[in-house]
PDB file of N, CA and C in Angstrom:
ATOM      1  N   MET A   1      25.512 110.526 123.823  1.00  0.00           N
ATOM      2  CA  MET A   1      25.338 109.569 122.921  1.00  0.00           C
ATOM      3  C   MET A   1      25.777 109.891 121.536  1.00  0.00           C
ATOM      4  N   TYR A   2      26.240 109.006 120.660  1.00  0.00           N
ATOM      5  CA  TYR A   2      26.790 109.383 119.178  1.00  0.00           C
ATOM      6  C   TYR A   2      25.653 109.456 118.503  1.00  0.00           C
ATOM      7  N   THR A   3      25.384 110.614 117.637  1.00  0.00           N
ATOM      8  CA  THR A   3      24.917 110.910 116.550  1.00  0.00           C
ATOM      9  C   THR A   3      25.551 110.871 115.261  1.00  0.00           C
ATOM     10  N   VAL A   4      24.926 110.363 114.276  1.00  0.00           N
ATOM     11  CA  VAL A   4      25.522 110.360 112.824  1.00  0.00           C
ATOM     12  C   VAL A   4      25.588 112.098 112.433  1.00  0.00           C
ATOM     13  N   LYS A   5      26.675 112.624 111.884  1.00  0.00           N
ATOM     14  CA  LYS A   5      26.757 113.754 111.192  1.00  0.00           C
ATOM     15  C   LYS A   5      25.983 113.873 109.963  1.00  0.00           C
ATOM     16  N   ARG A   6      25.526 115.189 109.700  1.00  0.00           N
ATOM     17  CA  ARG A   6      24.757 115.060 108.477  1.00  0.00           C
ATOM     18  C   ARG A   6      25.631 116.379 107.686  1.00  0.00           C
ATOM     19  N   ILE A   7      26.104 115.987 106.316  1.00  0.00           N
ATOM     20  CA  ILE A   7      26.989 116.948 105.589  1.00  0.00           C
ATOM     21  C   ILE A   7      25.922 117.484 104.283  1.00  0.00           C
ATOM     22  N   LEU A   8      25.850 118.635 103.900  1.00  0.00           N
ATOM     23  CA  LEU A   8      25.091 119.049 102.541  1.00  0.00           C
ATOM     24  C   LEU A   8      26.219 119.287 101.718  1.00  0.00           C
ATOM     25  N   VAL A   9      26.252 118.619 100.727  1.00  0.00           N
ATOM     26  CA  VAL A   9      27.508 118.853  99.724  1.00  0.00           C
ATOM     27  C   VAL A   9      26.669 119.625  98.397  1.00  0.00           C
ATOM     28  N   VAL A  10      27.047 120.965  98.366  1.00  0.00           N
ATOM     29  CA  VAL A  10      26.839 121.637  97.160  1.00  0.00           C
ATOM     30  C   VAL A  10      27.725 121.690  96.026  1.00  0.00           C
ATOM     31  N   GLU A  11      27.165 121.164  95.294  1.00  0.00           N
ATOM     32  CA  GLU A  11      27.987 120.843  94.070  1.00  0.00           C
ATOM     33  C   GLU A  11      27.451 120.688  92.785  1.00  0.00           C
ATOM     34  N   ASP A  12      27.766 121.341  91.406  1.00  0.00           N
ATOM     35  CA  ASP A  12      27.157 121.024  90.316  1.00  0.00           C
ATOM     36  C   ASP A  12      27.749 119.564  89.611  1.00  0.00           C
ATOM     37  N   ASP A  13      28.897 119.463  89.680  1.00  0.00           N
ATOM     38  CA  ASP A  13      29.555 118.481  89.093  1.00  0.00           C
ATOM     39  C   ASP A  13      28.891 117.070  89.603  1.00  0.00           C
ATOM     40  N   LYS A  14      28.300 116.438  88.815  1.00  0.00           N
ATOM     41  CA  LYS A  14      27.581 114.825  89.320  1.00  0.00           C
ATOM     42  C   LYS A  14      28.772 114.005  89.546  1.00  0.00           C
ATOM     43  N   ASN A  15      29.994 113.735  89.023  1.00  0.00           N
ATOM     44  CA  ASN A  15      31.105 113.062  89.308  1.00  0.00           C
ATOM     45  C   ASN A  15      31.621 113.558  90.816  1.00  0.00           C
ATOM     46  N   VAL A  16      31.870 114.898  90.953  1.00  0.00           N
ATOM     47  CA  VAL A  16      32.542 115.279  92.434  1.00  0.00           C
ATOM     48  C   VAL A  16      31.363 114.847  93.227  1.00  0.00           C
ATOM     49  N   GLN A  17      30.221 115.183  93.136  1.00  0.00           N
ATOM     50  CA  GLN A  17      29.155 115.030  94.036  1.00  0.00           C
ATOM     51  C   GLN A  17      29.161 113.514  94.316  1.00  0.00           C
ATOM     52  N   THR A  18      29.167 112.238  93.553  1.00  0.00           N
ATOM     53  CA  THR A  18      29.091 111.099  93.541  1.00  0.00           C
ATOM     54  C   THR A  18      30.570 110.853  94.407  1.00  0.00           C
ATOM     55  N   LEU A  19      31.691 111.261  94.127  1.00  0.00           N
ATOM     56  CA  LEU A  19      32.944 110.845  94.887  1.00  0.00           C
ATOM     57  C   LEU A  19      32.797 111.389  96.338  1.00  0.00           C
ATOM     58  N   LEU A  20      32.101 112.475  96.483  1.00  0.00           N
ATOM     59  CA  LEU A  20      32.149 113.006  98.023  1.00  0.00           C
ATOM     60  C   LEU A  20      31.134 112.102  98.872  1.00  0.00           C
ATOM     61  N   LYS A  21      30.077 112.096  98.282  1.00  0.00           N
ATOM     62  CA  LYS A  21      28.870 111.185  98.794  1.00  0.00           C
ATOM     63  C   LYS A  21      29.724 109.976  99.289  1.00  0.00           C
ATOM     64  N   ASP A  22      30.620 109.144  98.092  1.00  0.00           N
ATOM     65  CA  ASP A  22      30.523 107.672  98.540  1.00  0.00           C
ATOM     66  C   ASP A  22      31.886 107.811  99.654  1.00  0.00           C
ATOM     67  N   GLU A  23      32.954 108.793  99.595  1.00  0.00           N
ATOM     68  CA  GLU A  23      33.757 108.849 100.405  1.00  0.00           C
ATOM     69  C   GLU A  23      33.583 109.505 101.753  1.00  0.00           C
ATOM     70  N   LEU A  24      32.582 110.238 101.867  1.00  0.00           N
ATOM     71  CA  LEU A  24      32.179 110.761 103.246  1.00  0.00           C
ATOM     72  C   LEU A  24      31.096 109.749 104.002  1.00  0.00           C
ATOM     73  N   ASN A  25      30.312 108.910 102.986  1.00  0.00           N
ATOM     74  CA  ASN A  25      29.602 107.900 103.709  1.00  0.00           C
ATOM     75  C   ASN A  25      30.582 106.734 104.164  1.00  0.00           C
ATOM     76  N   ASP A  26      31.314 106.579 103.718  1.00  0.00           N
ATOM     77  CA  ASP A  26      32.538 105.608 104.080  1.00  0.00           C
ATOM     78  C   ASP A  26      32.871 106.100 105.462  1.00  0.00           C
ATOM     79  N   GLU A  27      33.096 107.570 105.637  1.00  0.00           N
ATOM     80  CA  GLU A  27      33.746 108.029 107.018  1.00  0.00           C
ATOM     81  C   GLU A  27      32.368 108.198 107.920  1.00  0.00           C
ATOM     82  N   GLY A  28      31.278 107.415 107.319  1.00  0.00           N
ATOM     83  CA  GLY A  28      30.278 107.399 108.638  1.00  0.00           C
ATOM     84  C   GLY A  28      29.236 108.614 108.444  1.00  0.00           C
ATOM     85  N   TYR A  29      29.209 109.370 107.517  1.00  0.00           N
ATOM     86  CA  TYR A  29      28.392 110.682 107.567  1.00  0.00           C
ATOM     87  C   TYR A  29      27.179 110.645 106.760  1.00  0.00           C
ATOM     88  N   ILE A  30      26.085 111.275 106.811  1.00  0.00           N
ATOM     89  CA  ILE A  30      25.193 111.088 105.905  1.00  0.00           C
ATOM     90  C   ILE A  30      25.173 112.223 104.935  1.00  0.00           C
ATOM     91  N   ILE A  31      25.214 111.901 103.949  1.00  0.00           N
ATOM     92  CA  ILE A  31      25.198 113.230 102.667  1.00  0.00           C
ATOM     93  C   ILE A  31      23.965 113.279 102.004  1.00  0.00           C
ATOM     94  N   ASP A  32      23.402 114.684 101.937  1.00  0.00           N
ATOM     95  CA  ASP A  32      22.885 115.148 101.164  1.00  0.00           C
ATOM     96  C   ASP A  32      23.413 116.108 100.194  1.00  0.00           C
ATOM     97  N   THR A  33      22.765 116.382  98.910  1.00  0.00           N
ATOM     98  CA  THR A  33      23.308 116.889  97.661  1.00  0.00           C
ATOM     99  C   THR A  33      22.388 118.015  97.431  1.00  0.00           C
ATOM    100  N   ALA A  34      23.082 119.275  96.763  1.00  0.00           N
ATOM    101  CA  ALA A  34      22.426 119.878  96.203  1.00  0.00           C
ATOM    102  C   ALA A  34      23.317 120.557  94.909  1.00  0.00           C
ATOM    103  N   ALA A  35      22.568 120.646  93.993  1.00  0.00           N
ATOM    104  CA  ALA A  35      23.367 120.966  92.546  1.00  0.00           C
ATOM    105  C   ALA A  35      23.994 122.631  92.456  1.00  0.00           C
ATOM    106  N   ASN A  36      23.493 123.476  93.410  1.00  0.00           N
ATOM    107  CA  ASN A  36      23.743 125.017  93.079  1.00  0.00           C
ATOM    108  C   ASN A  36      23.050 125.525  94.435  1.00  0.00           C
ATOM    109  N   GLY A  37      23.241 126.757  94.667  1.00  0.00           N
ATOM    110  CA  GLY A  37      22.953 127.060  95.644  1.00  0.00           C
ATOM    111  C   GLY A  37      21.465 127.727  96.021  1.00  0.00           C
ATOM    112  N   LYS A  38      20.831 127.962  94.920  1.00  0.00           N
ATOM    113  CA  LYS A  38      19.533 127.952  95.163  1.00  0.00           C
ATOM    114  C   LYS A  38      18.825 126.461  95.744  1.00  0.00           C
ATOM    115  N   ASP A  39      19.246 125.465  95.170  1.00  0.00           N
ATOM    116  CA  ASP A  39      18.977 124.132  95.604  1.00  0.00           C
ATOM    117  C   ASP A  39      19.177 123.966  97.145  1.00  0.00           C
ATOM    118  N   ALA A  40      20.312 124.494  97.498  1.00  0.00           N
ATOM    119  CA  ALA A  40      20.665 124.137  98.801  1.00  0.00           C
ATOM    120  C   ALA A  40      20.104 125.052  99.849  1.00  0.00           C
ATOM    121  N   LEU A  41      19.796 126.178  99.309  1.00  0.00           N
ATOM    122  CA  LEU A  41      18.886 127.085 100.587  1.00  0.00           C
ATOM    123  C   LEU A  41      17.476 126.596 100.563  1.00  0.00           C
ATOM    124  N   ASN A  42      16.929 125.880  99.827  1.00  0.00           N
ATOM    125  CA  ASN A  42      15.719 125.231  99.792  1.00  0.00           C
ATOM    126  C   ASN A  42      15.714 124.113 100.506  1.00  0.00           C
ATOM    127  N   ARG A  43      16.856 123.109 100.430  1.00  0.00           N
ATOM    128  CA  ARG A  43      17.122 122.194 101.514  1.00  0.00           C
ATOM    129  C   ARG A  43      17.267 122.559 102.745  1.00  0.00           C
ATOM    130  N   LEU A  44      17.710 123.704 102.912  1.00  0.00           N
ATOM    131  CA  LEU A  44      18.042 124.364 104.426  1.00  0.00           C
ATOM    132  C   LEU A  44      16.672 124.752 105.160  1.00  0.00           C
ATOM    133  N   GLN A  45      15.582 124.936 104.078  1.00  0.00           N
ATOM    134  CA  GLN A  45      14.209 125.097 104.602  1.00  0.00           C
ATOM    135  C   GLN A  45      13.487 123.880 105.517  1.00  0.00           C
ATOM    136  N   GLY A  46      14.117 122.718 105.031  1.00  0.00           N
ATOM    137  CA  GLY A  46      13.501 121.434 105.769  1.00  0.00           C
ATOM    138  C   GLY A  46      14.014 121.321 107.243  1.00  0.00           C
ATOM    139  N   ASP A  47      13.337 120.161 107.417  1.00  0.00           N
ATOM    140  CA  ASP A  47      13.618 119.662 108.711  1.00  0.00           C
ATOM    141  C   ASP A  47      15.006 119.156 109.298  1.00  0.00           C
ATOM    142  N   GLU A  48      15.400 118.328 108.296  1.00  0.00           N
ATOM    143  CA  GLU A  48      16.895 118.079 108.501  1.00  0.00           C
ATOM    144  C   GLU A  48      17.924 118.814 108.369  1.00  0.00           C
ATOM    145  N   LYS A  49      18.320 119.487 109.328  1.00  0.00           N
ATOM    146  CA  LYS A  49      19.317 120.377 108.908  1.00  0.00           C
ATOM    147  C   LYS A  49      20.824 119.855 109.163  1.00  0.00           C
ATOM    148  N   PRO A  50      21.718 120.275 108.223  1.00  0.00           N
ATOM    149  CA  PRO A  50      23.122 119.668 108.092  1.00  0.00           C
ATOM    150  C   PRO A  50      23.729 120.007 109.257  1.00  0.00           C
ATOM    151  N   ASP A  51      25.100 119.300 109.596  1.00  0.00           N
ATOM    152  CA  ASP A  51      25.975 119.701 110.697  1.00  0.00           C
ATOM    153  C   ASP A  51      27.302 120.358 110.173  1.00  0.00           C
ATOM    154  N   LEU A  52      27.093 120.618 108.666  1.00  0.00           N
ATOM    155  CA  LEU A  52      28.500 120.956 107.911  1.00  0.00           C
ATOM    156  C   LEU A  52      27.942 121.154 106.427  1.00  0.00           C
ATOM    157  N   ILE A  53      28.259 122.217 105.839  1.00  0.00           N
ATOM    158  CA  ILE A  53      28.128 122.448 104.357  1.00  0.00           C
ATOM    159  C   ILE A  53      29.343 122.401 103.555  1.00  0.00           C
ATOM    160  N   ILE A  54      29.351 121.660 102.494  1.00  0.00           N
ATOM    161  CA  ILE A  54      30.503 121.729 101.818  1.00  0.00           C
ATOM    162  C   ILE A  54      30.023 122.413 100.516  1.00  0.00           C
ATOM    163  N   LEU A  55      30.756 123.700 100.190  1.00  0.00           N
ATOM    164  CA  LEU A  55      30.169 124.429  99.072  1.00  0.00           C
ATOM    165  C   LEU A  55      31.249 124.684  97.945  1.00  0.00           C
ATOM    166  N   ASP A  56      30.657 124.278  96.957  1.00  0.00           N
ATOM    167  CA  ASP A  56      31.581 124.622  95.657  1.00  0.00           C
ATOM    168  C   ASP A  56      31.356 126.404  95.467  1.00  0.00           C
ATOM    169  N   LEU A  57      32.024 127.043  94.522  1.00  0.00           N
ATOM    170  CA  LEU A  57      31.886 128.259  94.274  1.00  0.00           C
ATOM    171  C   LEU A  57      31.396 128.498  92.795  1.00  0.00           C
ATOM    172  N   ARG A  58      31.802 127.857  91.720  1.00  0.00           N
ATOM    173  CA  ARG A  58      31.355 127.899  90.409  1.00  0.00           C
ATOM    174  C   ARG A  58      30.295 127.103  90.151  1.00  0.00           C
ATOM    175  N   MET A  59      29.036 127.275  90.258  1.00  0.00           N
ATOM    176  CA  MET A  59      27.706 126.634  89.739  1.00  0.00           C
ATOM    177  C   MET A  59      26.558 127.543  89.195  1.00  0.00           C
ATOM    178  N   PRO A  60      26.096 126.707  88.502  1.00  0.00           N
ATOM    179  CA  PRO A  60      24.790 127.652  87.797  1.00  0.00           C
ATOM    180  C   PRO A  60      23.780 128.088  88.802  1.00  0.00           C
ATOM    181  N   ARG A  61      23.038 128.988  88.292  1.00  0.00           N
ATOM    182  CA  ARG A  61      21.652 129.283  88.942  1.00  0.00           C
ATOM    183  C   ARG A  61      21.958 130.236  90.175  1.00  0.00           C
ATOM    184  N   MET A  62      22.754 129.527  91.172  1.00  0.00           N
ATOM    185  CA  MET A  62      23.504 130.669  92.043  1.00  0.00           C
ATOM    186  C   MET A  62      24.624 130.004  92.718  1.00  0.00           C
ATOM    187  N   ASP A  63      25.807 130.728  92.290  1.00  0.00           N
ATOM    188  CA  ASP A  63      27.241 130.443  92.693  1.00  0.00           C
ATOM    189  C   ASP A  63      27.324 130.385  94.297  1.00  0.00           C
ATOM    190  N   GLY A  64      28.484 129.839  94.440  1.00  0.00           N
ATOM    191  CA  GLY A  64      28.923 129.653  96.102  1.00  0.00           C
ATOM    192  C   GLY A  64      29.204 130.905  96.857  1.00  0.00           C
ATOM    193  N   LEU A  65      29.549 131.848  96.269  1.00  0.00           N
ATOM    194  CA  LEU A  65      29.796 133.300  96.824  1.00  0.00           C
ATOM    195  C   LEU A  65      28.465 133.955  97.407  1.00  0.00           C
ATOM    196  N   GLU A  66      27.535 134.023  96.236  1.00  0.00           N
ATOM    197  CA  GLU A  66      25.970 134.685  96.497  1.00  0.00           C
ATOM    198  C   GLU A  66      25.561 133.469  97.554  1.00  0.00           C
ATOM    199  N   THR A  67      25.777 132.415  97.639  1.00  0.00           N
ATOM    200  CA  THR A  67      25.144 131.217  98.532  1.00  0.00           C
ATOM    201  C   THR A  67      25.533 131.546  99.829  1.00  0.00           C
ATOM    202  N   MET A  68      26.869 131.756  99.981  1.00  0.00           N
ATOM    203  CA  MET A  68      27.644 131.977 101.384  1.00  0.00           C
ATOM    204  C   MET A  68      26.979 133.460 101.893  1.00  0.00           C
ATOM    205  N   GLY A  69      26.509 134.557 101.024  1.00  0.00           N
ATOM    206  CA  GLY A  69      26.133 135.653 101.536  1.00  0.00           C
ATOM    207  C   GLY A  69      24.618 135.478 102.376  1.00  0.00           C
ATOM    208  N   HIS A  70      23.924 134.588 101.407  1.00  0.00           N
ATOM    209  CA  HIS A  70      22.576 134.232 102.006  1.00  0.00           C
ATOM    210  C   HIS A  70      22.759 133.516 103.512  1.00  0.00           C
ATOM    211  N   LEU A  71      23.846 132.503 103.466  1.00  0.00           N
ATOM    212  CA  LEU A  71      23.913 131.704 104.500  1.00  0.00           C
ATOM    213  C   LEU A  71      24.433 132.674 105.708  1.00  0.00           C
ATOM    214  N   LEU A  72      25.193 133.824 105.540  1.00  0.00           N
ATOM    215  CA  LEU A  72      25.640 134.656 106.447  1.00  0.00           C
ATOM    216  C   LEU A  72      24.457 135.637 107.143  1.00  0.00           C
ATOM    217  N   LYS A  73      23.350 135.732 106.255  1.00  0.00           N
ATOM    218  CA  LYS A  73      22.460 136.543 106.663  1.00  0.00           C
ATOM    219  C   LYS A  73      21.350 135.797 107.281  1.00  0.00           C
ATOM    220  N   SER A  74      21.397 134.484 107.182  1.00  0.00           N
ATOM    221  CA  SER A  74      20.276 133.581 107.847  1.00  0.00           C
ATOM    222  C   SER A  74      20.812 133.337 109.438  1.00  0.00           C
ATOM    223  N   SER A  75      19.933 132.698 110.226  1.00  0.00           N
ATOM    224  CA  SER A  75      20.435 132.360 111.574  1.00  0.00           C
ATOM    225  C   SER A  75      21.154 131.136 111.539  1.00  0.00           C
ATOM    226  N   LEU A  76      21.392 130.560 110.259  1.00  0.00           N
ATOM    227  CA  LEU A  76      21.812 129.218 110.544  1.00  0.00           C
ATOM    228  C   LEU A  76      23.780 129.198 111.068  1.00  0.00           C
ATOM    229  N   ALA A  77      23.731 128.306 112.023  1.00  0.00           N
ATOM    230  CA  ALA A  77      25.238 128.500 112.716  1.00  0.00           C
ATOM    231  C   ALA A  77      25.968 127.169 112.251  1.00  0.00           C
ATOM    232  N   THR A  78      25.877 126.793 111.127  1.00  0.00           N
ATOM    233  CA  THR A  78      26.390 125.553 110.448  1.00  0.00           C
ATOM    234  C   THR A  78      27.880 126.079 109.889  1.00  0.00           C
ATOM    235  N   PRO A  79      28.759 125.304 110.239  1.00  0.00           N
ATOM    236  CA  PRO A  79      29.987 125.532 109.530  1.00  0.00           C
ATOM    237  C   PRO A  79      30.238 125.315 108.131  1.00  0.00           C
ATOM    238  N   VAL A  80      30.781 126.097 107.246  1.00  0.00           N
ATOM    239  CA  VAL A  80      30.539 126.130 105.900  1.00  0.00           C
ATOM    240  C   VAL A  80      32.088 125.839 105.349  1.00  0.00           C
ATOM    241  N   VAL A  81      32.567 124.812 104.578  1.00  0.00           N
ATOM    242  CA  VAL A  81      34.009 124.631 103.995  1.00  0.00           C
ATOM    243  C   VAL A  81      33.463 125.029 102.487  1.00  0.00           C
ATOM    244  N   ILE A  82      34.388 125.847 102.019  1.00  0.00           N
ATOM    245  CA  ILE A  82      34.371 126.341 100.700  1.00  0.00           C
ATOM    246  C   ILE A  82      35.271 125.286 100.124  1.00  0.00           C
ATOM    247  N   HIS A  83      35.003 124.536  99.011  1.00  0.00           N
ATOM    248  CA  HIS A  83      35.251 123.292  98.409  1.00  0.00           C
ATOM    249  C   HIS A  83      35.526 123.752  96.892  1.00  0.00           C
ATOM    250  N   THR A  84      36.771 124.330  96.329  1.00  0.00           N
ATOM    251  CA  THR A  84      36.610 124.784  94.941  1.00  0.00           C
ATOM    252  C   THR A  84      38.161 124.593  94.477  1.00  0.00           C
ATOM    253  N   ALA A  85      37.935 124.075  93.059  1.00  0.00           N
ATOM    254  CA  ALA A  85      39.143 124.345  92.073  1.00  0.00           C
ATOM    255  C   ALA A  85      39.914 125.629  91.898  1.00  0.00           C
ATOM    256  N   TYR A  86      39.415 126.608  92.310  1.00  0.00           N
ATOM    257  CA  TYR A  86      40.350 127.877  92.200  1.00  0.00           C
ATOM    258  C   TYR A  86      40.570 128.739  93.312  1.00  0.00           C
ATOM    259  N   PRO A  87      41.939 128.335  93.405  1.00  0.00           N
ATOM    260  CA  PRO A  87      42.354 129.045  94.858  1.00  0.00           C
ATOM    261  C   PRO A  87      42.442 130.447  94.660  1.00  0.00           C
ATOM    262  N   SER A  88      42.310 131.253  93.728  1.00  0.00           N
ATOM    263  CA  SER A  88      42.263 132.643  93.756  1.00  0.00           C
ATOM    264  C   SER A  88      41.002 133.234  94.479  1.00  0.00           C
ATOM    265  N   TYR A  89      39.992 132.429  94.581  1.00  0.00           N
ATOM    266  CA  TYR A  89      39.020 133.094  95.500  1.00  0.00           C
ATOM    267  C   TYR A  89      39.228 133.023  96.968  1.00  0.00           C
ATOM    268  N   LYS A  90      40.395 132.483  97.435  1.00  0.00           N
ATOM    269  CA  LYS A  90      40.738 132.459  98.879  1.00  0.00           C
ATOM    270  C   LYS A  90      40.459 133.892  99.922  1.00  0.00           C
ATOM    271  N   ASN A  91      40.947 134.850  98.872  1.00  0.00           N
ATOM    272  CA  ASN A  91      40.738 135.905  99.506  1.00  0.00           C
ATOM    273  C   ASN A  91      39.737 136.944  99.207  1.00  0.00           C
ATOM    274  N   ASP A  92      38.871 136.389  98.833  1.00  0.00           N
ATOM    275  CA  ASP A  92      37.674 136.995  98.576  1.00  0.00           C
ATOM    276  C   ASP A  92      36.718 136.979 100.153  1.00  0.00           C
ATOM    277  N   VAL A  93      36.134 138.249 100.153  1.00  0.00           N
ATOM    278  CA  VAL A  93      35.591 138.469 101.306  1.00  0.00           C
ATOM    279  C   VAL A  93      34.397 137.321 101.964  1.00  0.00           C
ATOM    280  N   MET A  94      33.635 136.933 101.026  1.00  0.00           N
ATOM    281  CA  MET A  94      32.600 136.043 101.089  1.00  0.00           C
ATOM    282  C   MET A  94      33.350 134.680 101.400  1.00  0.00           C
ATOM    283  N   ALA A  95      34.583 134.323 100.812  1.00  0.00           N
ATOM    284  CA  ALA A  95      34.960 133.120 100.792  1.00  0.00           C
ATOM    285  C   ALA A  95      35.551 132.993 102.297  1.00  0.00           C
ATOM    286  N   MET A  96      36.229 134.547 102.700  1.00  0.00           N
ATOM    287  CA  MET A  96      36.896 134.318 104.118  1.00  0.00           C
ATOM    288  C   MET A  96      36.053 134.151 105.143  1.00  0.00           C
ATOM    289  N   ALA A  97      34.670 134.405 104.618  1.00  0.00           N
ATOM    290  CA  ALA A  97      33.561 134.235 105.823  1.00  0.00           C
ATOM    291  C   ALA A  97      33.393 132.658 106.119  1.00  0.00           C
ATOM    292  N   ALA A  98      33.631 131.887 105.426  1.00  0.00           N
ATOM    293  CA  ALA A  98      33.728 130.459 105.558  1.00  0.00           C
ATOM    294  C   ALA A  98      34.722 130.122 106.816  1.00  0.00           C
ATOM    295  N   ASP A  99      34.187 128.647 107.138  1.00  0.00           N
ATOM    296  CA  ASP A  99      34.869 128.149 108.293  1.00  0.00           C
ATOM    297  C   ASP A  99      36.285 127.433 107.977  1.00  0.00           C
ATOM    298  N   ALA A 100      36.399 127.084 106.570  1.00  0.00           N
ATOM    299  CA  ALA A 100      37.497 126.697 106.113  1.00  0.00           C
ATOM    300  C   ALA A 100      37.375 126.673 104.618  1.00  0.00           C
ATOM    301  N   PHE A 101      38.818 126.605 103.848  1.00  0.00           N
ATOM    302  CA  PHE A 101      38.761 127.054 102.551  1.00  0.00           C
ATOM    303  C   PHE A 101      39.696 125.667 101.834  1.00  0.00           C
ATOM    304  N   VAL A 102      39.261 124.794 101.212  1.00  0.00           N
ATOM    305  CA  VAL A 102      39.850 123.642 100.866  1.00  0.00           C
ATOM    306  C   VAL A 102      39.960 123.489  99.066  1.00  0.00           C
ATOM    307  N   VAL A 103      41.060 123.744  98.471  1.00  0.00           N
ATOM    308  CA  VAL A 103      41.324 123.455  96.907  1.00  0.00           C
ATOM    309  C   VAL A 103      40.832 121.937  96.633  1.00  0.00           C
ATOM    310  N   LYS A 104      40.067 121.631  95.655  1.00  0.00           N
ATOM    311  CA  LYS A 104      39.731 120.772  95.227  1.00  0.00           C
ATOM    312  C   LYS A 104      41.118 119.796  94.836  1.00  0.00           C
ATOM    313  N   SER A 105      40.897 118.741  95.026  1.00  0.00           N
ATOM    314  CA  SER A 105      42.148 117.456  94.661  1.00  0.00           C
ATOM    315  C   SER A 105      41.631 116.005  94.717  1.00  0.00           C
ATOM    316  N   HIS A 106      42.155 115.303  94.045  1.00  0.00           N
ATOM    317  CA  HIS A 106      41.780 113.797  93.944  1.00  0.00           C
ATOM    318  C   HIS A 106      42.002 113.127  95.513  1.00  0.00           C
ATOM    319  N   ASP A 107      43.122 113.905  95.984  1.00  0.00           N
ATOM    320  CA  ASP A 107      43.017 113.206  97.662  1.00  0.00           C
ATOM    321  C   ASP A 107      42.290 113.969  98.308  1.00  0.00           C
ATOM    322  N   LEU A 108      41.414 113.546  98.936  1.00  0.00           N
ATOM    323  CA  LEU A 108      40.369 114.127  99.847  1.00  0.00           C
ATOM    324  C   LEU A 108      40.938 114.126 101.468  1.00  0.00           C
ATOM    325  N   LYS A 109      42.102 113.939 101.506  1.00  0.00           N
ATOM    326  CA  LYS A 109      42.606 113.834 102.985  1.00  0.00           C
ATOM    327  C   LYS A 109      42.510 115.267 103.614  1.00  0.00           C
ATOM    328  N   LYS A 110      42.958 116.306 103.102  1.00  0.00           N
ATOM    329  CA  LYS A 110      42.886 117.356 103.617  1.00  0.00           C
ATOM    330  C   LYS A 110      41.264 117.826 103.908  1.00  0.00           C
ATOM    331  N   LEU A 111      40.481 117.654 103.118  1.00  0.00           N
ATOM    332  CA  LEU A 111      38.786 117.876 102.934  1.00  0.00           C
ATOM    333  C   LEU A 111      38.450 116.975 104.292  1.00  0.00           C
ATOM    334  N   LYS A 112      38.851 115.920 104.300  1.00  0.00           N
ATOM    335  CA  LYS A 112      38.316 115.099 105.535  1.00  0.00           C
ATOM    336  C   LYS A 112      39.052 115.376 106.761  1.00  0.00           C
ATOM    337  N   HIS A 113      40.284 115.960 106.776  1.00  0.00           N
ATOM    338  CA  HIS A 113      40.554 116.326 107.963  1.00  0.00           C
ATOM    339  C   HIS A 113      39.921 117.692 108.632  1.00  0.00           C
ATOM    340  N   VAL A 114      39.670 118.438 107.579  1.00  0.00           N
ATOM    341  CA  VAL A 114      38.991 119.852 108.055  1.00  0.00           C
ATOM    342  C   VAL A 114      37.500 119.333 108.574  1.00  0.00           C
ATOM    343  N   ILE A 115      36.623 118.395 108.028  1.00  0.00           N
ATOM    344  CA  ILE A 115      35.633 118.111 108.215  1.00  0.00           C
ATOM    345  C   ILE A 115      35.662 117.495 109.865  1.00  0.00           C
ATOM    346  N   HIS A 116      36.466 116.913 109.892  1.00  0.00           N
ATOM    347  CA  HIS A 116      36.837 116.265 111.293  1.00  0.00           C
ATOM    348  C   HIS A 116      37.266 117.290 112.292  1.00  0.00           C
ATOM    349  N   GLU A 117      37.763 118.193 111.932  1.00  0.00           N
ATOM    350  CA  GLU A 117      38.226 119.505 112.935  1.00  0.00           C
ATOM    351  C   GLU A 117      36.973 120.284 113.357  1.00  0.00           C
ATOM    352  N   LEU A 118      36.177 120.258 112.290  1.00  0.00           N
ATOM    353  CA  LEU A 118      34.878 121.330 112.314  1.00  0.00           C
ATOM    354  C   LEU A 118      33.799 120.450 113.130  1.00  0.00           C
ATOM    355  N   ILE A 119      33.226 119.015 112.910  1.00  0.00           N
ATOM    356  CA  ILE A 119      32.286 118.567 113.377  1.00  0.00           C
ATOM    357  C   ILE A 119      32.631 117.248 114.359  1.00  0.00           C
ATOM    358  N   GLY A 120      33.762 116.832 113.948  1.00  0.00           N
ATOM    359  CA  GLY A 120      34.502 115.539 114.922  1.00  0.00           C
ATOM    360  C   GLY A 120      33.990 114.780 114.092  1.00  0.00           C
ATOM    361  N   GLU A 121      34.107 113.398 115.078  1.00  0.00           N
ATOM    362  CA  GLU A 121      33.771 111.772 114.395  1.00  0.00           C
ATOM    363  C   GLU A 121      34.858 111.335 113.483  1.00  0.00           C
TER     364      GLU A 121
END
């Protein structure tokens, strides 16, 4: 049976949040958003667990690398895609622990391809 996949977008830039939400909704995904790592960790306490997390790195309150550390310590087995404008973070130990690393671009083909590879549909 087909079930709609849920994605949590952790991104502080409202424009990027909206773009990802619109584009991924069009692909058939349910999108939840969080403005920083603290908000994301709070959302993960709820009943609706995402099938995938898209995680920005530079955010206020709790950045993506610190959030990744918390995700690794948790028992959550959800794939994480680092989505950042800073390719220099690719070799950071916490970034390397993610399932994928995608540099932000106006063209979302690469991100959509990675999502499809990780959770299908």
